[in-house]
Amino acid sequence: MAIAAIIVKIMPDSPQANLEAIKKSAKALLEQEGAKNISFEERPIAFGLIAVMMKMAWQEEKDTSIVEDKLAAIEHVSSATIEDYRRAFG
């Protein structure tokens, strides 16, 4: 069973969106799907909007559309796109 390292860009729907609530929901949803080693980083975009960059280990056999669909369904999330996908070793 191979593991992939994935970085997902989560865009909130407004600068006032609660990023901590988004992170908490994202972590809970994807841990249920088998994601491991989840971490977050905030990246300023423009006009006060901040993207949440989510890094995690994902089972390579599982479809990545699960990740995007689950994250996009979170309240106050405008979009979720996979920015990087790499096979992890070790």
C-alpha atoms as a PDB file:
ATOM      1  CA  MET A   1       0.000   0.000   0.000  1.00  0.00           C
ATOM      2  CA  ALA A   2       1.738   3.152  -1.265  1.00  0.00           C
ATOM      3  CA  ILE A   3       1.409   6.543   0.368  1.00  0.00           C
ATOM      4  CA  ALA A   4       1.152   9.887  -1.426  1.00  0.00           C
ATOM      5  CA  ALA A   5       2.016  13.287   0.014  1.00  0.00           C
ATOM      6  CA  ILE A   6      -0.684  15.768  -0.971  1.00  0.00           C
ATOM      7  CA  ILE A   7      -0.982  19.534  -0.628  1.00  0.00           C
ATOM      8  CA  VAL A   8      -4.495  20.944  -0.990  1.00  0.00           C
ATOM      9  CA  LYS A   9      -5.363  24.641  -1.325  1.00  0.00           C
ATOM     10  CA  ILE A  10      -8.576  25.448   0.529  1.00  0.00           C
ATOM     11  CA  MET A  11     -10.078  28.811  -0.406  1.00  0.00           C
ATOM     12  CA  PRO A  12     -12.575  30.390   2.021  1.00  0.00           C
ATOM     13  CA  ASP A  13     -15.586  32.217   0.611  1.00  0.00           C
ATOM     14  CA  SER A  14     -14.677  35.521   2.304  1.00  0.00           C
ATOM     15  CA  PRO A  15     -11.908  37.207   4.310  1.00  0.00           C
ATOM     16  CA  GLN A  16     -14.160  36.954   7.389  1.00  0.00           C
ATOM     17  CA  ALA A  17     -14.416  33.139   7.235  1.00  0.00           C
ATOM     18  CA  ASN A  18     -13.303  31.358  10.416  1.00  0.00           C
ATOM     19  CA  LEU A  19     -10.118  29.585   9.275  1.00  0.00           C
ATOM     20  CA  GLU A  20      -9.784  27.630  12.523  1.00  0.00           C
ATOM     21  CA  ALA A  21     -13.267  26.142  12.060  1.00  0.00           C
ATOM     22  CA  ILE A  22     -12.399  25.225   8.466  1.00  0.00           C
ATOM     23  CA  LYS A  23      -9.173  23.529   9.588  1.00  0.00           C
ATOM     24  CA  LYS A  24     -10.957  21.606  12.341  1.00  0.00           C
ATOM     25  CA  SER A  25     -13.662  20.364   9.956  1.00  0.00           C
ATOM     26  CA  ALA A  26     -11.141  19.485   7.251  1.00  0.00           C
ATOM     27  CA  LYS A  27      -8.999  17.471   9.643  1.00  0.00           C
ATOM     28  CA  ALA A  28     -11.970  15.559  11.073  1.00  0.00           C
ATOM     29  CA  LEU A  29     -13.451  14.749   7.636  1.00  0.00           C
ATOM     30  CA  LEU A  30     -10.233  13.515   6.089  1.00  0.00           C
ATOM     31  CA  GLU A  31      -9.067  11.538   9.116  1.00  0.00           C
ATOM     32  CA  GLN A  32     -12.315   9.577   8.716  1.00  0.00           C
ATOM     33  CA  GLU A  33     -11.209   8.823   5.145  1.00  0.00           C
ATOM     34  CA  GLY A  34      -7.781   7.582   6.288  1.00  0.00           C
ATOM     35  CA  ALA A  35      -5.598  10.691   5.896  1.00  0.00           C
ATOM     36  CA  LYS A  36      -2.550  10.847   8.193  1.00  0.00           C
ATOM     37  CA  ASN A  37      -0.071  13.500   9.365  1.00  0.00           C
ATOM     38  CA  ILE A  38      -2.368  16.413   8.569  1.00  0.00           C
ATOM     39  CA  SER A  39      -0.886  19.883   8.945  1.00  0.00           C
ATOM     40  CA  PHE A  40      -1.959  23.378   7.909  1.00  0.00           C
ATOM     41  CA  GLU A  41      -0.331  26.600   6.748  1.00  0.00           C
ATOM     42  CA  GLU A  42      -2.019  29.914   5.991  1.00  0.00           C
ATOM     43  CA  ARG A  43      -1.058  31.757   2.808  1.00  0.00           C
ATOM     44  CA  PRO A  44      -2.187  35.353   2.094  1.00  0.00           C
ATOM     45  CA  ILE A  45      -3.766  35.663  -1.353  1.00  0.00           C
ATOM     46  CA  ALA A  46      -5.141  39.206  -1.928  1.00  0.00           C
ATOM     47  CA  PHE A  47      -7.465  41.801  -0.426  1.00  0.00           C
ATOM     48  CA  GLY A  48      -7.388  40.151   3.013  1.00  0.00           C
ATOM     49  CA  LEU A  49      -8.244  36.684   1.699  1.00  0.00           C
ATOM     50  CA  ILE A  50      -6.132  33.894   3.202  1.00  0.00           C
ATOM     51  CA  ALA A  51      -5.899  30.389   1.733  1.00  0.00           C
ATOM     52  CA  VAL A  52      -5.410  27.351   3.950  1.00  0.00           C
ATOM     53  CA  MET A  53      -2.745  24.979   2.631  1.00  0.00           C
ATOM     54  CA  MET A  54      -3.380  21.473   3.955  1.00  0.00           C
ATOM     55  CA  LYS A  55      -0.609  18.863   3.814  1.00  0.00           C
ATOM     56  CA  MET A  56      -1.268  15.186   4.447  1.00  0.00           C
ATOM     57  CA  ALA A  57      -0.390  11.585   3.732  1.00  0.00           C
ATOM     58  CA  TRP A  58      -2.995   9.802   1.599  1.00  0.00           C
ATOM     59  CA  GLN A  59      -3.326   6.199   0.471  1.00  0.00           C
ATOM     60  CA  GLU A  60      -2.346   6.232  -3.179  1.00  0.00           C
ATOM     61  CA  GLU A  61      -5.024   3.672  -4.074  1.00  0.00           C
ATOM     62  CA  LYS A  62      -7.818   6.039  -2.969  1.00  0.00           C
ATOM     63  CA  ASP A  63      -9.270   8.533  -5.423  1.00  0.00           C
ATOM     64  CA  THR A  64      -8.262  12.152  -4.797  1.00  0.00           C
ATOM     65  CA  SER A  65     -11.712  13.408  -5.768  1.00  0.00           C
ATOM     66  CA  ILE A  66     -12.766  12.298  -2.267  1.00  0.00           C
ATOM     67  CA  VAL A  67     -10.426  14.943  -0.829  1.00  0.00           C
ATOM     68  CA  GLU A  68     -11.678  17.770  -3.033  1.00  0.00           C
ATOM     69  CA  ASP A  69     -15.352  16.863  -2.621  1.00  0.00           C
ATOM     70  CA  LYS A  70     -15.199  16.555   1.183  1.00  0.00           C
ATOM     71  CA  LEU A  71     -13.292  19.832   1.606  1.00  0.00           C
ATOM     72  CA  ALA A  72     -15.451  21.796  -0.848  1.00  0.00           C
ATOM     73  CA  ALA A  73     -18.547  20.772   1.132  1.00  0.00           C
ATOM     74  CA  ILE A  74     -17.305  22.472   4.328  1.00  0.00           C
ATOM     75  CA  GLU A  75     -19.247  25.583   5.289  1.00  0.00           C
ATOM     76  CA  HIS A  76     -17.571  28.834   4.124  1.00  0.00           C
ATOM     77  CA  VAL A  77     -15.221  27.013   1.714  1.00  0.00           C
ATOM     78  CA  SER A  78     -15.336  28.350  -1.835  1.00  0.00           C
ATOM     79  CA  SER A  79     -13.069  25.715  -3.403  1.00  0.00           C
ATOM     80  CA  ALA A  80     -10.515  23.015  -2.660  1.00  0.00           C
ATOM     81  CA  THR A  81      -7.904  22.034  -5.234  1.00  0.00           C
ATOM     82  CA  ILE A  82      -4.947  19.687  -5.106  1.00  0.00           C
ATOM     83  CA  GLU A  83      -1.807  21.745  -5.624  1.00  0.00           C
ATOM     84  CA  ASP A  84       0.784  18.958  -5.322  1.00  0.00           C
ATOM     85  CA  TYR A  85       0.673  15.155  -5.372  1.00  0.00           C
ATOM     86  CA  ARG A  86       3.802  13.046  -4.855  1.00  0.00           C
ATOM     87  CA  ARG A  87       4.564   9.490  -3.981  1.00  0.00           C
ATOM     88  CA  ALA A  88       6.061   9.389  -0.486  1.00  0.00           C
ATOM     89  CA  PHE A  89       8.904   7.056   0.435  1.00  0.00           C
ATOM     90  CA  GLY A  90       9.925   5.776   3.805  1.00  0.00           C
END
